[in-house]
Amino acid sequence: MTDTTLLRLAAAGLVALLGALALGPVVIPLMRRLKAGQTIRAEMAASHQAKAGTPTMGGVIFTIPAILATLLFAPRGGDALTRLIIALVLTVGHGLVGFADDYIKVVLKRSLGLRARDKLLAQVALAAVLGYGAVEVLGLGTAVTLPFVNVTVDLGKPLYYALVLIMVWGTASAVNFADGLDGLLGGLSVITFTFYGLFVALAVGQTDMAVLAVALVGGCLGFLYYNRHPARIFMGDVGSFALGGALAAMAVLTKTEFLLVIVGGVYVIEVISVILQVASFRLTGRRIFKMAPLHHHFELLGWSEGQVLRLFWGAALLLTALGWFALPGVLGGR
């Protein structure tokens, strides 16, 4: 890592951190005035019921500073500008989808939020930008490498575009499901984006993606100051969707599509718990978990939020370490 790269990363992370800390006292009262309070489901743990009315849509606290820091400090030479535009389109686009969903639900008081069809159409369009940009504009190809077995398979354009769509939709949904306890998703994001910024993006020479990742880390750290237990504001879909979009973009642009399944394993487990719960209830009328996503199951078992956070953050660190061992083989298949 050169001194210039180190300075870019440090500056982006610091600016995003300070920006998030500065925005908190502005955004929290604003959301209170808008009456953008979180509704808590009746079946949740008693400790969760006390959070009813806590302002949400707090994702703007870290997304805005992170995007500005990225624009200020990311390099723009060669393919970097193209990658940056694509990644920011995915991040901002998903953030806007989440913002619309939050606004309809908590400000306009329409419980269903943005229609599922409209949300999916937006994600299809964003996935098209990512897939076309990666394959046709950047020339990254349609081959993918499977971690550990280090087998590279060329999917061809139709299958690869389908994979990108699944990644975009699946990652945004999975990250969104992981947002449910004070500090949970913020902490998970710090772990995941640190790995993608410092170990993946820099390893493939994409300082621009590293700057975006570190800016998101800095922003999330600043947001955690307000989101730590007891949270003064929740992230909302505007934040979780933006993080999911950014993560999917980084995995595709660094050609580590299947590595994301390992490094983002906690997100995968969360979404699988929801799928299993819904499938079991529809097929048998019985629930596998006390409540899904999985972190709520532990809450209803009587675990404290701190215990759940330590379990999930610890799992994320272990999965990230596993991803680090798989990384050389994945990069070797590029």
C-alpha atoms as a PDB file:
ATOM      1  CA  MET A   1       0.000   0.000   0.000  1.00  0.00           C
ATOM      2  CA  THR A   2       1.497   3.338  -1.048  1.00  0.00           C
ATOM      3  CA  ASP A   3       1.469   6.430   1.150  1.00  0.00           C
ATOM      4  CA  THR A   4      -1.014   8.071  -1.231  1.00  0.00           C
ATOM      5  CA  THR A   5      -3.413   5.149  -0.959  1.00  0.00           C
ATOM      6  CA  LEU A   6      -3.102   5.123   2.827  1.00  0.00           C
ATOM      7  CA  LEU A   7      -3.869   8.845   2.962  1.00  0.00           C
ATOM      8  CA  ARG A   8      -6.910   8.406   0.708  1.00  0.00           C
ATOM      9  CA  LEU A   9      -8.285   5.635   2.907  1.00  0.00           C
ATOM     10  CA  ALA A  10      -7.590   7.438   6.170  1.00  0.00           C
ATOM     11  CA  ALA A  11      -9.117  10.676   4.908  1.00  0.00           C
ATOM     12  CA  ALA A  12     -12.236   8.968   3.530  1.00  0.00           C
ATOM     13  CA  GLY A  13     -12.830   7.028   6.727  1.00  0.00           C
ATOM     14  CA  LEU A  14     -12.252  10.044   8.967  1.00  0.00           C
ATOM     15  CA  VAL A  15     -14.435  12.420   6.929  1.00  0.00           C
ATOM     16  CA  ALA A  16     -17.278   9.882   6.822  1.00  0.00           C
ATOM     17  CA  LEU A  17     -16.942   9.258  10.577  1.00  0.00           C
ATOM     18  CA  LEU A  18     -16.987  12.944  11.477  1.00  0.00           C
ATOM     19  CA  GLY A  19     -19.766  13.625   8.988  1.00  0.00           C
ATOM     20  CA  ALA A  20     -21.950  10.922  10.532  1.00  0.00           C
ATOM     21  CA  LEU A  21     -21.296  12.226  14.040  1.00  0.00           C
ATOM     22  CA  ALA A  22     -22.210  15.733  12.883  1.00  0.00           C
ATOM     23  CA  LEU A  23     -25.396  14.647  11.097  1.00  0.00           C
ATOM     24  CA  GLY A  24     -26.829  12.728  14.043  1.00  0.00           C
ATOM     25  CA  PRO A  25     -27.997  15.780  16.020  1.00  0.00           C
ATOM     26  CA  VAL A  26     -29.621  17.113  12.838  1.00  0.00           C
ATOM     27  CA  VAL A  27     -31.321  13.958  11.571  1.00  0.00           C
ATOM     28  CA  ILE A  28     -32.672  12.607  14.880  1.00  0.00           C
ATOM     29  CA  PRO A  29     -34.777  15.704  15.744  1.00  0.00           C
ATOM     30  CA  LEU A  30     -35.888  15.940  12.095  1.00  0.00           C
ATOM     31  CA  MET A  31     -37.205  12.374  12.143  1.00  0.00           C
ATOM     32  CA  ARG A  32     -38.985  13.082  15.418  1.00  0.00           C
ATOM     33  CA  ARG A  33     -40.706  16.100  13.854  1.00  0.00           C
ATOM     34  CA  LEU A  34     -41.734  13.950  10.896  1.00  0.00           C
ATOM     35  CA  LYS A  35     -43.088  11.413  13.413  1.00  0.00           C
ATOM     36  CA  ALA A  36     -40.958   8.795  11.665  1.00  0.00           C
ATOM     37  CA  GLY A  37     -41.150   6.382  14.600  1.00  0.00           C
ATOM     38  CA  GLN A  38     -40.573   2.651  14.379  1.00  0.00           C
ATOM     39  CA  THR A  39     -43.548   0.325  14.837  1.00  0.00           C
ATOM     40  CA  ILE A  40     -42.764  -2.788  16.895  1.00  0.00           C
ATOM     41  CA  ARG A  41     -44.546  -6.070  16.206  1.00  0.00           C
ATOM     42  CA  ALA A  42     -46.653  -7.300  19.134  1.00  0.00           C
ATOM     43  CA  GLU A  43     -44.997 -10.751  19.190  1.00  0.00           C
ATOM     44  CA  MET A  44     -41.505  -9.351  19.776  1.00  0.00           C
ATOM     45  CA  ALA A  45     -39.747  -9.621  23.143  1.00  0.00           C
ATOM     46  CA  ALA A  46     -40.900  -7.285  25.917  1.00  0.00           C
ATOM     47  CA  SER A  47     -37.503  -5.565  25.869  1.00  0.00           C
ATOM     48  CA  HIS A  48     -38.172  -4.695  22.232  1.00  0.00           C
ATOM     49  CA  GLN A  49     -41.570  -3.132  22.898  1.00  0.00           C
ATOM     50  CA  ALA A  50     -39.956  -0.201  24.691  1.00  0.00           C
ATOM     51  CA  LYS A  51     -38.365   0.807  21.363  1.00  0.00           C
ATOM     52  CA  ALA A  52     -41.709   1.690  19.783  1.00  0.00           C
ATOM     53  CA  GLY A  53     -41.636   5.231  18.435  1.00  0.00           C
ATOM     54  CA  THR A  54     -37.840   5.447  18.203  1.00  0.00           C
ATOM     55  CA  PRO A  55     -36.998   7.467  15.068  1.00  0.00           C
ATOM     56  CA  THR A  56     -35.963   5.478  12.014  1.00  0.00           C
ATOM     57  CA  MET A  57     -34.553   6.327   8.552  1.00  0.00           C
ATOM     58  CA  GLY A  58     -31.208   6.962  10.282  1.00  0.00           C
ATOM     59  CA  GLY A  59     -29.283   5.415   7.397  1.00  0.00           C
ATOM     60  CA  VAL A  60     -28.944   8.905   5.911  1.00  0.00           C
ATOM     61  CA  ILE A  61     -26.610   9.688   8.814  1.00  0.00           C
ATOM     62  CA  PHE A  62     -23.875   7.490   7.340  1.00  0.00           C
ATOM     63  CA  THR A  63     -24.762   7.146   3.649  1.00  0.00           C
ATOM     64  CA  ILE A  64     -24.505  10.857   2.849  1.00  0.00           C
ATOM     65  CA  PRO A  65     -21.066  11.380   4.487  1.00  0.00           C
ATOM     66  CA  ALA A  66     -19.761   8.089   3.057  1.00  0.00           C
ATOM     67  CA  ILE A  67     -20.773   9.021  -0.491  1.00  0.00           C
ATOM     68  CA  LEU A  68     -19.325  12.530  -0.170  1.00  0.00           C
ATOM     69  CA  ALA A  69     -16.065  11.174   1.275  1.00  0.00           C
ATOM     70  CA  THR A  70     -15.831   8.680  -1.579  1.00  0.00           C
ATOM     71  CA  LEU A  71     -16.337  11.419  -4.177  1.00  0.00           C
ATOM     72  CA  LEU A  72     -13.673  13.527  -2.494  1.00  0.00           C
ATOM     73  CA  PHE A  73     -10.938  10.933  -2.072  1.00  0.00           C
ATOM     74  CA  ALA A  74     -11.445   8.059  -4.547  1.00  0.00           C
ATOM     75  CA  PRO A  75      -9.085   8.033  -7.552  1.00  0.00           C
ATOM     76  CA  ARG A  76     -10.636   8.478 -10.989  1.00  0.00           C
ATOM     77  CA  GLY A  77      -7.932   7.300 -13.399  1.00  0.00           C
ATOM     78  CA  GLY A  78      -8.459   4.495 -15.919  1.00  0.00           C
ATOM     79  CA  ASP A  79     -11.418   2.251 -15.096  1.00  0.00           C
ATOM     80  CA  ALA A  80     -11.703   3.667 -11.581  1.00  0.00           C
ATOM     81  CA  LEU A  81     -14.235   6.346 -12.549  1.00  0.00           C
ATOM     82  CA  THR A  82     -16.455   3.793 -14.303  1.00  0.00           C
ATOM     83  CA  ARG A  83     -16.325   1.427 -11.318  1.00  0.00           C
ATOM     84  CA  LEU A  84     -17.041   4.303  -8.981  1.00  0.00           C
ATOM     85  CA  ILE A  85     -20.081   5.430 -10.969  1.00  0.00           C
ATOM     86  CA  ILE A  86     -21.476   1.883 -11.080  1.00  0.00           C
ATOM     87  CA  ALA A  87     -20.906   1.256  -7.362  1.00  0.00           C
ATOM     88  CA  LEU A  88     -22.419   4.595  -6.367  1.00  0.00           C
ATOM     89  CA  VAL A  89     -25.435   4.044  -8.641  1.00  0.00           C
ATOM     90  CA  LEU A  90     -26.038   0.735  -6.829  1.00  0.00           C
ATOM     91  CA  THR A  91     -25.517   2.321  -3.404  1.00  0.00           C
ATOM     92  CA  VAL A  92     -27.548   5.483  -3.964  1.00  0.00           C
ATOM     93  CA  GLY A  93     -30.192   3.662  -6.007  1.00  0.00           C
ATOM     94  CA  HIS A  94     -30.818   1.123  -3.275  1.00  0.00           C
ATOM     95  CA  GLY A  95     -30.726   3.871  -0.670  1.00  0.00           C
ATOM     96  CA  LEU A  96     -33.480   5.710  -2.550  1.00  0.00           C
ATOM     97  CA  VAL A  97     -35.558   2.530  -2.789  1.00  0.00           C
ATOM     98  CA  GLY A  98     -35.166   2.065   0.956  1.00  0.00           C
ATOM     99  CA  PHE A  99     -35.935   5.722   1.611  1.00  0.00           C
ATOM    100  CA  ALA A 100     -39.179   5.479  -0.378  1.00  0.00           C
ATOM    101  CA  ASP A 101     -40.134   2.327   1.515  1.00  0.00           C
ATOM    102  CA  ASP A 102     -39.388   3.944   4.890  1.00  0.00           C
ATOM    103  CA  TYR A 103     -41.159   7.194   4.025  1.00  0.00           C
ATOM    104  CA  ILE A 104     -44.338   5.448   2.893  1.00  0.00           C
ATOM    105  CA  LYS A 105     -44.389   3.227   5.987  1.00  0.00           C
ATOM    106  CA  VAL A 106     -43.409   5.545   8.814  1.00  0.00           C
ATOM    107  CA  VAL A 107     -44.233   9.043   7.572  1.00  0.00           C
ATOM    108  CA  LEU A 108     -47.280   8.413   5.376  1.00  0.00           C
ATOM    109  CA  LYS A 109     -48.341   5.599   7.768  1.00  0.00           C
ATOM    110  CA  ARG A 110     -49.027   3.037   5.045  1.00  0.00           C
ATOM    111  CA  SER A 111     -47.903  -0.201   6.681  1.00  0.00           C
ATOM    112  CA  LEU A 112     -47.058  -2.118   3.480  1.00  0.00           C
ATOM    113  CA  GLY A 113     -44.567   0.501   2.297  1.00  0.00           C
ATOM    114  CA  LEU A 114     -43.300   0.462  -1.266  1.00  0.00           C
ATOM    115  CA  ARG A 115     -45.051  -2.181  -3.352  1.00  0.00           C
ATOM    116  CA  ALA A 116     -42.992  -5.355  -3.763  1.00  0.00           C
ATOM    117  CA  ARG A 117     -43.377  -5.138  -7.540  1.00  0.00           C
ATOM    118  CA  ASP A 118     -42.010  -1.583  -7.657  1.00  0.00           C
ATOM    119  CA  LYS A 119     -39.130  -2.510  -5.366  1.00  0.00           C
ATOM    120  CA  LEU A 120     -38.233  -5.510  -7.548  1.00  0.00           C
ATOM    121  CA  LEU A 121     -38.425  -3.487 -10.770  1.00  0.00           C
ATOM    122  CA  ALA A 122     -36.023  -0.935  -9.322  1.00  0.00           C
ATOM    123  CA  GLN A 123     -33.618  -3.687  -8.292  1.00  0.00           C
ATOM    124  CA  VAL A 124     -33.815  -5.309 -11.735  1.00  0.00           C
ATOM    125  CA  ALA A 125     -32.840  -1.965 -13.283  1.00  0.00           C
ATOM    126  CA  LEU A 126     -29.967  -1.535 -10.829  1.00  0.00           C
ATOM    127  CA  ALA A 127     -28.791  -5.102 -11.440  1.00  0.00           C
ATOM    128  CA  ALA A 128     -28.825  -4.386 -15.182  1.00  0.00           C
ATOM    129  CA  VAL A 129     -26.562  -1.388 -14.618  1.00  0.00           C
ATOM    130  CA  LEU A 130     -24.163  -3.521 -12.577  1.00  0.00           C
ATOM    131  CA  GLY A 131     -24.145  -6.509 -14.928  1.00  0.00           C
ATOM    132  CA  TYR A 132     -23.839  -4.499 -18.145  1.00  0.00           C
ATOM    133  CA  GLY A 133     -21.245  -2.195 -16.646  1.00  0.00           C
ATOM    134  CA  ALA A 134     -19.112  -5.089 -15.381  1.00  0.00           C
ATOM    135  CA  VAL A 135     -19.289  -7.207 -18.535  1.00  0.00           C
ATOM    136  CA  GLU A 136     -19.700  -4.806 -21.446  1.00  0.00           C
ATOM    137  CA  VAL A 137     -18.065  -1.611 -20.219  1.00  0.00           C
ATOM    138  CA  LEU A 138     -15.297  -2.840 -17.916  1.00  0.00           C
ATOM    139  CA  GLY A 139     -14.772  -6.144 -19.738  1.00  0.00           C
ATOM    140  CA  LEU A 140     -14.628  -8.201 -16.552  1.00  0.00           C
ATOM    141  CA  GLY A 141     -16.109 -11.238 -18.270  1.00  0.00           C
ATOM    142  CA  THR A 142     -18.697 -13.753 -17.166  1.00  0.00           C
ATOM    143  CA  ALA A 143     -16.455 -16.254 -15.392  1.00  0.00           C
ATOM    144  CA  VAL A 144     -16.832 -16.921 -11.661  1.00  0.00           C
ATOM    145  CA  THR A 145     -14.482 -18.693  -9.261  1.00  0.00           C
ATOM    146  CA  LEU A 146     -15.732 -21.040  -6.559  1.00  0.00           C
ATOM    147  CA  PRO A 147     -13.904 -20.553  -3.229  1.00  0.00           C
ATOM    148  CA  PHE A 148     -11.689 -23.327  -1.792  1.00  0.00           C
ATOM    149  CA  VAL A 149     -12.143 -25.667  -4.766  1.00  0.00           C
ATOM    150  CA  ASN A 150     -10.764 -22.808  -6.908  1.00  0.00           C
ATOM    151  CA  VAL A 151     -12.723 -23.900  -9.952  1.00  0.00           C
ATOM    152  CA  THR A 152     -13.461 -21.182 -12.493  1.00  0.00           C
ATOM    153  CA  VAL A 153     -16.605 -21.510 -14.598  1.00  0.00           C
ATOM    154  CA  ASP A 154     -17.626 -19.258 -17.480  1.00  0.00           C
ATOM    155  CA  LEU A 155     -21.377 -18.845 -17.113  1.00  0.00           C
ATOM    156  CA  GLY A 156     -21.965 -16.956 -20.341  1.00  0.00           C
ATOM    157  CA  LYS A 157     -23.924 -13.722 -20.454  1.00  0.00           C
ATOM    158  CA  PRO A 158     -27.490 -14.951 -19.784  1.00  0.00           C
ATOM    159  CA  LEU A 159     -26.555 -16.969 -16.690  1.00  0.00           C
ATOM    160  CA  TYR A 160     -24.132 -14.342 -15.429  1.00  0.00           C
ATOM    161  CA  TYR A 161     -26.700 -11.564 -15.711  1.00  0.00           C
ATOM    162  CA  ALA A 162     -29.154 -13.795 -13.842  1.00  0.00           C
ATOM    163  CA  LEU A 163     -26.513 -14.341 -11.139  1.00  0.00           C
ATOM    164  CA  VAL A 164     -25.969 -10.586 -10.816  1.00  0.00           C
ATOM    165  CA  LEU A 165     -29.719 -10.052 -10.423  1.00  0.00           C
ATOM    166  CA  ILE A 166     -29.896 -12.733  -7.720  1.00  0.00           C
ATOM    167  CA  MET A 167     -26.888 -11.187  -5.973  1.00  0.00           C
ATOM    168  CA  VAL A 168     -28.341  -7.681  -6.027  1.00  0.00           C
ATOM    169  CA  TRP A 169     -31.785  -8.731  -4.846  1.00  0.00           C
ATOM    170  CA  GLY A 170     -30.493 -11.350  -2.407  1.00  0.00           C
ATOM    171  CA  THR A 171     -27.764  -9.217  -0.835  1.00  0.00           C
ATOM    172  CA  ALA A 172     -30.031  -6.211  -0.307  1.00  0.00           C
ATOM    173  CA  SER A 173     -32.728  -8.438   1.195  1.00  0.00           C
ATOM    174  CA  ALA A 174     -30.318 -10.380   3.407  1.00  0.00           C
ATOM    175  CA  VAL A 175     -28.617  -7.246   4.743  1.00  0.00           C
ATOM    176  CA  ASN A 176     -32.050  -5.745   5.392  1.00  0.00           C
ATOM    177  CA  PHE A 177     -33.080  -8.801   7.438  1.00  0.00           C
ATOM    178  CA  ALA A 178     -29.965  -8.408   9.599  1.00  0.00           C
ATOM    179  CA  ASP A 179     -31.153  -4.993  10.774  1.00  0.00           C
ATOM    180  CA  GLY A 180     -33.204  -5.621  13.890  1.00  0.00           C
ATOM    181  CA  LEU A 181     -31.198  -4.995  17.065  1.00  0.00           C
ATOM    182  CA  ASP A 182     -29.385  -1.909  18.320  1.00  0.00           C
ATOM    183  CA  GLY A 183     -26.000  -1.819  16.615  1.00  0.00           C
ATOM    184  CA  LEU A 184     -26.308  -5.237  14.963  1.00  0.00           C
ATOM    185  CA  LEU A 185     -26.157  -4.312  11.282  1.00  0.00           C
ATOM    186  CA  GLY A 186     -23.833  -1.382  11.877  1.00  0.00           C
ATOM    187  CA  GLY A 187     -21.296  -3.688  13.516  1.00  0.00           C
ATOM    188  CA  LEU A 188     -21.678  -6.395  10.888  1.00  0.00           C
ATOM    189  CA  SER A 189     -21.149  -3.792   8.150  1.00  0.00           C
ATOM    190  CA  VAL A 190     -17.956  -2.527   9.770  1.00  0.00           C
ATOM    191  CA  ILE A 191     -16.588  -6.084   9.690  1.00  0.00           C
ATOM    192  CA  THR A 192     -17.717  -6.912   6.138  1.00  0.00           C
ATOM    193  CA  PHE A 193     -16.678  -3.653   4.482  1.00  0.00           C
ATOM    194  CA  THR A 194     -13.332  -3.608   6.275  1.00  0.00           C
ATOM    195  CA  PHE A 195     -12.609  -6.988   4.708  1.00  0.00           C
ATOM    196  CA  TYR A 196     -13.749  -5.932   1.239  1.00  0.00           C
ATOM    197  CA  GLY A 197     -11.884  -2.651   1.424  1.00  0.00           C
ATOM    198  CA  LEU A 198      -8.552  -3.680   2.904  1.00  0.00           C
ATOM    199  CA  PHE A 199      -8.210  -7.284   1.743  1.00  0.00           C
ATOM    200  CA  VAL A 200     -10.191  -7.624  -1.475  1.00  0.00           C
ATOM    201  CA  ALA A 201     -10.279  -4.252  -3.243  1.00  0.00           C
ATOM    202  CA  LEU A 202      -6.647  -3.394  -2.497  1.00  0.00           C
ATOM    203  CA  ALA A 203      -5.534  -6.907  -3.477  1.00  0.00           C
ATOM    204  CA  VAL A 204      -7.000  -6.429  -6.966  1.00  0.00           C
ATOM    205  CA  GLY A 205      -5.703  -2.872  -7.277  1.00  0.00           C
ATOM    206  CA  GLN A 206      -9.075  -1.134  -6.921  1.00  0.00           C
ATOM    207  CA  THR A 207      -8.260   1.758  -4.611  1.00  0.00           C
ATOM    208  CA  ASP A 208     -11.556   3.377  -5.610  1.00  0.00           C
ATOM    209  CA  MET A 209     -13.564   0.458  -4.188  1.00  0.00           C
ATOM    210  CA  ALA A 210     -11.341   0.406  -1.107  1.00  0.00           C
ATOM    211  CA  VAL A 211     -12.086   4.098  -0.501  1.00  0.00           C
ATOM    212  CA  LEU A 212     -15.840   3.466  -0.804  1.00  0.00           C
ATOM    213  CA  ALA A 213     -15.622   0.515   1.601  1.00  0.00           C
ATOM    214  CA  VAL A 214     -13.572   2.420   4.188  1.00  0.00           C
ATOM    215  CA  ALA A 215     -15.877   5.447   3.880  1.00  0.00           C
ATOM    216  CA  LEU A 216     -18.832   3.174   4.670  1.00  0.00           C
ATOM    217  CA  VAL A 217     -16.909   1.763   7.633  1.00  0.00           C
ATOM    218  CA  GLY A 218     -16.252   5.260   8.953  1.00  0.00           C
ATOM    219  CA  GLY A 219     -19.878   6.259   8.407  1.00  0.00           C
ATOM    220  CA  CYS A 220     -21.164   3.141  10.159  1.00  0.00           C
ATOM    221  CA  LEU A 221     -18.864   3.755  13.121  1.00  0.00           C
ATOM    222  CA  GLY A 222     -20.240   7.273  13.437  1.00  0.00           C
ATOM    223  CA  PHE A 223     -23.795   5.964  13.133  1.00  0.00           C
ATOM    224  CA  LEU A 224     -23.153   3.378  15.863  1.00  0.00           C
ATOM    225  CA  TYR A 225     -22.623   6.232  18.314  1.00  0.00           C
ATOM    226  CA  TYR A 226     -26.350   6.966  17.964  1.00  0.00           C
ATOM    227  CA  ASN A 227     -27.502   3.420  17.255  1.00  0.00           C
ATOM    228  CA  ARG A 228     -25.767   1.651  20.158  1.00  0.00           C
ATOM    229  CA  HIS A 229     -28.037   0.320  22.899  1.00  0.00           C
ATOM    230  CA  PRO A 230     -30.324   2.012  23.778  1.00  0.00           C
ATOM    231  CA  ALA A 231     -30.598   3.291  20.217  1.00  0.00           C
ATOM    232  CA  ARG A 232     -31.575   6.910  19.665  1.00  0.00           C
ATOM    233  CA  ILE A 233     -32.336   6.172  16.018  1.00  0.00           C
ATOM    234  CA  PHE A 234     -32.687   3.098  13.808  1.00  0.00           C
ATOM    235  CA  MET A 235     -31.063   2.592  10.430  1.00  0.00           C
ATOM    236  CA  GLY A 236     -34.216   1.841   8.457  1.00  0.00           C
ATOM    237  CA  ASP A 237     -34.387   0.480   4.921  1.00  0.00           C
ATOM    238  CA  VAL A 238     -32.642   3.573   3.559  1.00  0.00           C
ATOM    239  CA  GLY A 239     -29.461   2.426   5.309  1.00  0.00           C
ATOM    240  CA  SER A 240     -29.718  -1.353   5.027  1.00  0.00           C
ATOM    241  CA  PHE A 241     -30.597  -1.270   1.329  1.00  0.00           C
ATOM    242  CA  ALA A 242     -27.750   1.141   0.562  1.00  0.00           C
ATOM    243  CA  LEU A 243     -25.299  -1.175   2.337  1.00  0.00           C
ATOM    244  CA  GLY A 244     -26.655  -4.205   0.482  1.00  0.00           C
ATOM    245  CA  GLY A 245     -26.359  -2.469  -2.876  1.00  0.00           C
ATOM    246  CA  ALA A 246     -22.798  -1.375  -2.168  1.00  0.00           C
ATOM    247  CA  LEU A 247     -21.788  -4.859  -1.035  1.00  0.00           C
ATOM    248  CA  ALA A 248     -23.252  -6.553  -4.128  1.00  0.00           C
ATOM    249  CA  ALA A 249     -21.512  -4.020  -6.367  1.00  0.00           C
ATOM    250  CA  MET A 250     -18.138  -4.599  -4.721  1.00  0.00           C
ATOM    251  CA  ALA A 251     -18.427  -8.378  -5.021  1.00  0.00           C
ATOM    252  CA  VAL A 252     -19.203  -8.168  -8.750  1.00  0.00           C
ATOM    253  CA  LEU A 253     -16.667  -5.463  -9.589  1.00  0.00           C
ATOM    254  CA  THR A 254     -13.865  -7.278  -7.744  1.00  0.00           C
ATOM    255  CA  LYS A 255     -14.933 -10.616  -9.320  1.00  0.00           C
ATOM    256  CA  THR A 256     -15.429 -12.265  -5.923  1.00  0.00           C
ATOM    257  CA  GLU A 257     -19.099 -13.111  -6.397  1.00  0.00           C
ATOM    258  CA  PHE A 258     -19.150 -16.385  -4.472  1.00  0.00           C
ATOM    259  CA  LEU A 259     -16.680 -15.220  -1.830  1.00  0.00           C
ATOM    260  CA  LEU A 260     -19.448 -12.892  -0.657  1.00  0.00           C
ATOM    261  CA  VAL A 261     -21.507 -15.931   0.359  1.00  0.00           C
ATOM    262  CA  ILE A 262     -18.773 -16.826   2.868  1.00  0.00           C
ATOM    263  CA  VAL A 263     -17.797 -13.365   4.088  1.00  0.00           C
ATOM    264  CA  GLY A 264     -21.447 -12.324   4.289  1.00  0.00           C
ATOM    265  CA  GLY A 265     -22.424 -15.643   5.835  1.00  0.00           C
ATOM    266  CA  VAL A 266     -24.315 -14.023   8.720  1.00  0.00           C
ATOM    267  CA  TYR A 267     -26.550 -12.234   6.226  1.00  0.00           C
ATOM    268  CA  VAL A 268     -27.093 -15.524   4.411  1.00  0.00           C
ATOM    269  CA  ILE A 269     -28.048 -17.286   7.650  1.00  0.00           C
ATOM    270  CA  GLU A 270     -30.505 -14.513   8.498  1.00  0.00           C
ATOM    271  CA  VAL A 271     -32.316 -14.748   5.158  1.00  0.00           C
ATOM    272  CA  ILE A 272     -32.311 -18.566   5.241  1.00  0.00           C
ATOM    273  CA  SER A 273     -33.956 -18.462   8.675  1.00  0.00           C
ATOM    274  CA  VAL A 274     -36.766 -16.361   7.193  1.00  0.00           C
ATOM    275  CA  ILE A 275     -37.182 -18.684   4.195  1.00  0.00           C
ATOM    276  CA  LEU A 276     -37.290 -21.787   6.415  1.00  0.00           C
ATOM    277  CA  GLN A 277     -39.740 -20.156   8.824  1.00  0.00           C
ATOM    278  CA  VAL A 278     -42.150 -19.139   6.059  1.00  0.00           C
ATOM    279  CA  ALA A 279     -41.871 -22.477   4.247  1.00  0.00           C
ATOM    280  CA  SER A 280     -42.395 -24.503   7.421  1.00  0.00           C
ATOM    281  CA  PHE A 281     -45.438 -22.487   8.480  1.00  0.00           C
ATOM    282  CA  ARG A 282     -47.074 -22.698   5.056  1.00  0.00           C
ATOM    283  CA  LEU A 283     -46.398 -26.415   4.630  1.00  0.00           C
ATOM    284  CA  THR A 284     -46.966 -27.692   8.180  1.00  0.00           C
ATOM    285  CA  GLY A 285     -48.520 -24.819  10.124  1.00  0.00           C
ATOM    286  CA  ARG A 286     -45.568 -24.935  12.530  1.00  0.00           C
ATOM    287  CA  ARG A 287     -42.687 -22.536  13.079  1.00  0.00           C
ATOM    288  CA  ILE A 288     -39.079 -23.687  13.288  1.00  0.00           C
ATOM    289  CA  PHE A 289     -37.924 -20.616  15.213  1.00  0.00           C
ATOM    290  CA  LYS A 290     -39.681 -18.585  17.858  1.00  0.00           C
ATOM    291  CA  MET A 291     -39.380 -15.704  15.427  1.00  0.00           C
ATOM    292  CA  ALA A 292     -37.449 -14.900  12.267  1.00  0.00           C
ATOM    293  CA  PRO A 293     -34.984 -13.456  11.333  1.00  0.00           C
ATOM    294  CA  LEU A 294     -32.761 -15.539  13.568  1.00  0.00           C
ATOM    295  CA  HIS A 295     -31.592 -12.755  15.900  1.00  0.00           C
ATOM    296  CA  HIS A 296     -35.170 -12.379  17.168  1.00  0.00           C
ATOM    297  CA  HIS A 297     -35.258 -16.106  17.965  1.00  0.00           C
ATOM    298  CA  PHE A 298     -32.398 -15.625  20.429  1.00  0.00           C
ATOM    299  CA  GLU A 299     -34.126 -12.577  21.895  1.00  0.00           C
ATOM    300  CA  LEU A 300     -37.251 -14.620  22.601  1.00  0.00           C
ATOM    301  CA  LEU A 301     -35.090 -17.312  24.199  1.00  0.00           C
ATOM    302  CA  GLY A 302     -34.209 -14.708  26.810  1.00  0.00           C
ATOM    303  CA  TRP A 303     -30.803 -13.614  25.508  1.00  0.00           C
ATOM    304  CA  SER A 304     -29.862  -9.978  26.064  1.00  0.00           C
ATOM    305  CA  GLU A 305     -29.148  -7.802  23.044  1.00  0.00           C
ATOM    306  CA  GLY A 306     -25.507  -7.695  24.040  1.00  0.00           C
ATOM    307  CA  GLN A 307     -25.279 -11.491  23.987  1.00  0.00           C
ATOM    308  CA  VAL A 308     -26.906 -11.682  20.560  1.00  0.00           C
ATOM    309  CA  LEU A 309     -24.608  -8.992  19.194  1.00  0.00           C
ATOM    310  CA  ARG A 310     -21.508 -10.752  20.481  1.00  0.00           C
ATOM    311  CA  LEU A 311     -22.644 -14.028  18.905  1.00  0.00           C
ATOM    312  CA  PHE A 312     -23.406 -12.503  15.517  1.00  0.00           C
ATOM    313  CA  TRP A 313     -20.376 -10.214  15.401  1.00  0.00           C
ATOM    314  CA  GLY A 314     -18.180 -13.139  16.471  1.00  0.00           C
ATOM    315  CA  ALA A 315     -19.669 -15.309  13.736  1.00  0.00           C
ATOM    316  CA  ALA A 316     -19.035 -12.532  11.214  1.00  0.00           C
ATOM    317  CA  LEU A 317     -15.391 -12.297  12.271  1.00  0.00           C
ATOM    318  CA  LEU A 318     -14.939 -16.081  11.950  1.00  0.00           C
ATOM    319  CA  LEU A 319     -16.560 -16.109   8.506  1.00  0.00           C
ATOM    320  CA  THR A 320     -14.396 -13.188   7.441  1.00  0.00           C
ATOM    321  CA  ALA A 321     -11.307 -15.130   8.542  1.00  0.00           C
ATOM    322  CA  LEU A 322     -12.582 -18.079   6.500  1.00  0.00           C
ATOM    323  CA  GLY A 323     -12.982 -15.738   3.533  1.00  0.00           C
ATOM    324  CA  TRP A 324      -9.415 -14.543   4.013  1.00  0.00           C
ATOM    325  CA  PHE A 325      -8.146 -18.126   3.665  1.00  0.00           C
ATOM    326  CA  ALA A 326     -10.243 -18.585   0.526  1.00  0.00           C
ATOM    327  CA  LEU A 327      -9.195 -15.276  -1.026  1.00  0.00           C
ATOM    328  CA  PRO A 328      -5.863 -16.286  -2.667  1.00  0.00           C
ATOM    329  CA  GLY A 329      -7.538 -19.077  -4.644  1.00  0.00           C
ATOM    330  CA  VAL A 330     -10.395 -16.825  -5.722  1.00  0.00           C
ATOM    331  CA  LEU A 331      -8.055 -14.072  -6.872  1.00  0.00           C
ATOM    332  CA  GLY A 332      -5.869 -16.616  -8.610  1.00  0.00           C
ATOM    333  CA  GLY A 333      -8.829 -17.530 -10.811  1.00  0.00           C
ATOM    334  CA  ARG A 334      -9.278 -13.973 -12.056  1.00  0.00           C
END
